[in-house]
Amino acid sequence: MTSRLIPVVHRVTRLDLVRYAGASGDFNPIHFDDEVARQFGLDGVIAHGMFTMGLVTRLIEPLLVQGYRVAHWSNRFRSMVAVNHTITIDGSIHDVDENVVQVNIVATVEGQTKPALTGSVTLTRGQ
């Protein structure tokens, strides 16, 4: 059986990136300094890839609350997420059996045709 999770919609702010940098220790200036980001050919500051990946946990949170645990996580970063853009993370659940589900994930950014992230998370419940 396939069902959909409630999408996560998040507008990425500089404050998000400052908080993430402090928590992760990733102070690469392309995540907070527009001038440095432009020197690397970017239009401006971009979100940390792992910050984007972390937003996926909001998508699967309802399953975690139901007692599922992450057994396998696989994703690919496909495009960058610029600050002050909205990212939407959508997921479909595919039941493998009564204790295992796989969530296929697509994260898109407003104004971009290429997804920012695609992947899947396998969750198990029980032992």
C-alpha atoms as a PDB file:
ATOM      1  CA  MET A   1       0.000   0.000   0.000  1.00  0.00           C
ATOM      2  CA  THR A   2       1.219   3.512  -0.828  1.00  0.00           C
ATOM      3  CA  SER A   3       0.244   6.673   1.040  1.00  0.00           C
ATOM      4  CA  ARG A   4       1.588  10.189   1.320  1.00  0.00           C
ATOM      5  CA  LEU A   5       2.993  12.056   4.276  1.00  0.00           C
ATOM      6  CA  ILE A   6       2.062  15.660   4.990  1.00  0.00           C
ATOM      7  CA  PRO A   7       4.672  17.741   3.140  1.00  0.00           C
ATOM      8  CA  VAL A   8       7.115  19.875   5.103  1.00  0.00           C
ATOM      9  CA  VAL A   9       7.298  23.447   3.828  1.00  0.00           C
ATOM     10  CA  HIS A  10      10.087  25.630   5.184  1.00  0.00           C
ATOM     11  CA  ARG A  11      11.411  29.049   4.207  1.00  0.00           C
ATOM     12  CA  VAL A  12      15.188  28.941   4.733  1.00  0.00           C
ATOM     13  CA  THR A  13      16.486  31.979   6.605  1.00  0.00           C
ATOM     14  CA  ARG A  14      19.949  33.206   7.491  1.00  0.00           C
ATOM     15  CA  LEU A  15      19.094  32.583  11.122  1.00  0.00           C
ATOM     16  CA  ASP A  16      18.476  28.907  10.263  1.00  0.00           C
ATOM     17  CA  LEU A  17      21.942  28.740   8.732  1.00  0.00           C
ATOM     18  CA  VAL A  18      23.609  30.542  11.644  1.00  0.00           C
ATOM     19  CA  ARG A  19      21.973  28.145  14.094  1.00  0.00           C
ATOM     20  CA  TYR A  20      22.917  25.137  11.994  1.00  0.00           C
ATOM     21  CA  ALA A  21      26.516  26.336  11.645  1.00  0.00           C
ATOM     22  CA  GLY A  22      26.780  26.703  15.414  1.00  0.00           C
ATOM     23  CA  ALA A  23      25.288  23.269  16.061  1.00  0.00           C
ATOM     24  CA  SER A  24      27.304  21.465  13.396  1.00  0.00           C
ATOM     25  CA  GLY A  25      30.554  23.409  13.484  1.00  0.00           C
ATOM     26  CA  ASP A  26      30.324  23.957   9.698  1.00  0.00           C
ATOM     27  CA  PHE A  27      31.355  27.593   9.306  1.00  0.00           C
ATOM     28  CA  ASN A  28      32.071  27.496   5.570  1.00  0.00           C
ATOM     29  CA  PRO A  29      31.496  31.141   4.522  1.00  0.00           C
ATOM     30  CA  ILE A  30      29.347  30.169   1.509  1.00  0.00           C
ATOM     31  CA  HIS A  31      26.646  29.556   4.113  1.00  0.00           C
ATOM     32  CA  PHE A  32      26.732  33.056   5.644  1.00  0.00           C
ATOM     33  CA  ASP A  33      28.711  35.511   3.459  1.00  0.00           C
ATOM     34  CA  ASP A  34      27.159  36.551   0.120  1.00  0.00           C
ATOM     35  CA  GLU A  35      30.431  37.992  -1.177  1.00  0.00           C
ATOM     36  CA  VAL A  36      32.350  34.763  -0.562  1.00  0.00           C
ATOM     37  CA  ALA A  37      29.502  32.739  -2.063  1.00  0.00           C
ATOM     38  CA  ARG A  38      29.672  34.890  -5.212  1.00  0.00           C
ATOM     39  CA  GLN A  39      33.439  34.333  -5.410  1.00  0.00           C
ATOM     40  CA  PHE A  40      32.607  30.635  -5.739  1.00  0.00           C
ATOM     41  CA  GLY A  41      30.156  31.301  -8.571  1.00  0.00           C
ATOM     42  CA  LEU A  42      27.003  31.220  -6.484  1.00  0.00           C
ATOM     43  CA  ASP A  43      24.260  33.850  -6.564  1.00  0.00           C
ATOM     44  CA  GLY A  44      24.506  34.209  -2.799  1.00  0.00           C
ATOM     45  CA  VAL A  45      24.425  32.245   0.426  1.00  0.00           C
ATOM     46  CA  ILE A  46      23.238  28.630   0.230  1.00  0.00           C
ATOM     47  CA  ALA A  47      21.969  26.253   2.881  1.00  0.00           C
ATOM     48  CA  HIS A  48      24.151  23.462   4.211  1.00  0.00           C
ATOM     49  CA  GLY A  49      23.291  20.196   2.505  1.00  0.00           C
ATOM     50  CA  MET A  50      23.013  18.501   5.867  1.00  0.00           C
ATOM     51  CA  PHE A  51      20.582  21.206   7.027  1.00  0.00           C
ATOM     52  CA  THR A  52      18.371  20.316   4.060  1.00  0.00           C
ATOM     53  CA  MET A  53      18.714  16.641   4.907  1.00  0.00           C
ATOM     54  CA  GLY A  54      17.838  17.402   8.502  1.00  0.00           C
ATOM     55  CA  LEU A  55      14.537  18.913   7.400  1.00  0.00           C
ATOM     56  CA  VAL A  56      13.595  15.451   6.135  1.00  0.00           C
ATOM     57  CA  THR A  57      13.353  14.328   9.765  1.00  0.00           C
ATOM     58  CA  ARG A  58      10.336  16.619  10.109  1.00  0.00           C
ATOM     59  CA  LEU A  59       8.669  14.646   7.307  1.00  0.00           C
ATOM     60  CA  ILE A  60       9.206  11.253   8.955  1.00  0.00           C
ATOM     61  CA  GLU A  61       8.551  12.467  12.515  1.00  0.00           C
ATOM     62  CA  PRO A  62       4.971  11.087  12.577  1.00  0.00           C
ATOM     63  CA  LEU A  63       6.363   7.617  11.861  1.00  0.00           C
ATOM     64  CA  LEU A  64       9.015   7.989  14.555  1.00  0.00           C
ATOM     65  CA  VAL A  65       6.304   8.938  17.059  1.00  0.00           C
ATOM     66  CA  GLN A  66       4.463   5.724  16.086  1.00  0.00           C
ATOM     67  CA  GLY A  67       7.491   3.688  17.152  1.00  0.00           C
ATOM     68  CA  TYR A  68       9.319   3.303  13.857  1.00  0.00           C
ATOM     69  CA  ARG A  69      13.096   3.683  13.823  1.00  0.00           C
ATOM     70  CA  VAL A  70      15.418   4.497  10.943  1.00  0.00           C
ATOM     71  CA  ALA A  71      17.042   1.338   9.581  1.00  0.00           C
ATOM     72  CA  HIS A  72      18.499   2.783   6.385  1.00  0.00           C
ATOM     73  CA  TRP A  73      18.802   6.278   4.928  1.00  0.00           C
ATOM     74  CA  SER A  74      19.933   7.105   1.419  1.00  0.00           C
ATOM     75  CA  ASN A  75      19.758  10.451  -0.313  1.00  0.00           C
ATOM     76  CA  ARG A  76      21.409  12.438  -3.037  1.00  0.00           C
ATOM     77  CA  PHE A  77      21.889  16.188  -3.130  1.00  0.00           C
ATOM     78  CA  ARG A  78      20.870  17.376  -6.599  1.00  0.00           C
ATOM     79  CA  SER A  79      20.768  21.175  -6.404  1.00  0.00           C
ATOM     80  CA  MET A  80      21.456  23.976  -3.943  1.00  0.00           C
ATOM     81  CA  VAL A  81      18.986  25.676  -1.643  1.00  0.00           C
ATOM     82  CA  ALA A  82      19.401  29.444  -1.515  1.00  0.00           C
ATOM     83  CA  VAL A  83      18.665  31.447   1.593  1.00  0.00           C
ATOM     84  CA  ASN A  84      15.218  33.097   1.588  1.00  0.00           C
ATOM     85  CA  HIS A  85      13.774  30.367  -0.643  1.00  0.00           C
ATOM     86  CA  THR A  86      11.067  27.913   0.335  1.00  0.00           C
ATOM     87  CA  ILE A  87      11.805  24.212   0.294  1.00  0.00           C
ATOM     88  CA  THR A  88       9.036  21.610   0.167  1.00  0.00           C
ATOM     89  CA  ILE A  89       9.814  18.072   1.259  1.00  0.00           C
ATOM     90  CA  ASP A  90       7.332  15.476   0.103  1.00  0.00           C
ATOM     91  CA  GLY A  91       7.251  11.771   0.790  1.00  0.00           C
ATOM     92  CA  SER A  92       5.323   8.671  -0.141  1.00  0.00           C
ATOM     93  CA  ILE A  93       5.140   5.647   2.130  1.00  0.00           C
ATOM     94  CA  HIS A  94       5.429   2.160   0.695  1.00  0.00           C
ATOM     95  CA  ASP A  95       4.569  -0.664   3.076  1.00  0.00           C
ATOM     96  CA  VAL A  96       7.083  -3.491   2.845  1.00  0.00           C
ATOM     97  CA  ASP A  97       5.385  -5.523   5.584  1.00  0.00           C
ATOM     98  CA  GLU A  98       3.608  -4.815   8.894  1.00  0.00           C
ATOM     99  CA  ASN A  99       6.858  -3.699  10.549  1.00  0.00           C
ATOM    100  CA  VAL A 100       8.790  -2.103   7.682  1.00  0.00           C
ATOM    101  CA  VAL A 101       8.009   0.941   5.550  1.00  0.00           C
ATOM    102  CA  GLN A 102      10.016   2.791   2.950  1.00  0.00           C
ATOM    103  CA  VAL A 103       9.559   6.516   2.464  1.00  0.00           C
ATOM    104  CA  ASN A 104      10.571   7.922  -0.908  1.00  0.00           C
ATOM    105  CA  ILE A 105      11.554  11.575  -0.581  1.00  0.00           C
ATOM    106  CA  VAL A 106      11.720  14.522  -2.954  1.00  0.00           C
ATOM    107  CA  ALA A 107      12.721  18.014  -1.791  1.00  0.00           C
ATOM    108  CA  THR A 108      11.961  20.846  -4.195  1.00  0.00           C
ATOM    109  CA  VAL A 109      12.747  24.545  -4.045  1.00  0.00           C
ATOM    110  CA  GLU A 110      10.508  27.290  -5.342  1.00  0.00           C
ATOM    111  CA  GLY A 111      11.518  28.387  -8.826  1.00  0.00           C
ATOM    112  CA  GLN A 112      13.751  25.361  -9.496  1.00  0.00           C
ATOM    113  CA  THR A 113      12.854  22.482 -11.772  1.00  0.00           C
ATOM    114  CA  LYS A 114      15.565  20.150 -10.468  1.00  0.00           C
ATOM    115  CA  PRO A 115      14.940  18.709  -6.976  1.00  0.00           C
ATOM    116  CA  ALA A 116      17.299  19.767  -4.203  1.00  0.00           C
ATOM    117  CA  LEU A 117      17.335  16.279  -2.707  1.00  0.00           C
ATOM    118  CA  THR A 118      15.942  12.854  -3.536  1.00  0.00           C
ATOM    119  CA  GLY A 119      16.187   9.688  -1.528  1.00  0.00           C
ATOM    120  CA  SER A 120      14.556   7.072   0.618  1.00  0.00           C
ATOM    121  CA  VAL A 121      14.369   6.127   4.263  1.00  0.00           C
ATOM    122  CA  THR A 122      13.549   2.616   5.441  1.00  0.00           C
ATOM    123  CA  LEU A 123      11.938   2.476   8.865  1.00  0.00           C
ATOM    124  CA  THR A 124      11.274  -0.554  11.054  1.00  0.00           C
ATOM    125  CA  ARG A 125       9.170  -1.101  14.119  1.00  0.00           C
ATOM    126  CA  GLY A 126       9.411  -3.820  16.701  1.00  0.00           C
ATOM    127  CA  GLN A 127      12.549  -5.592  17.811  1.00  0.00           C
END
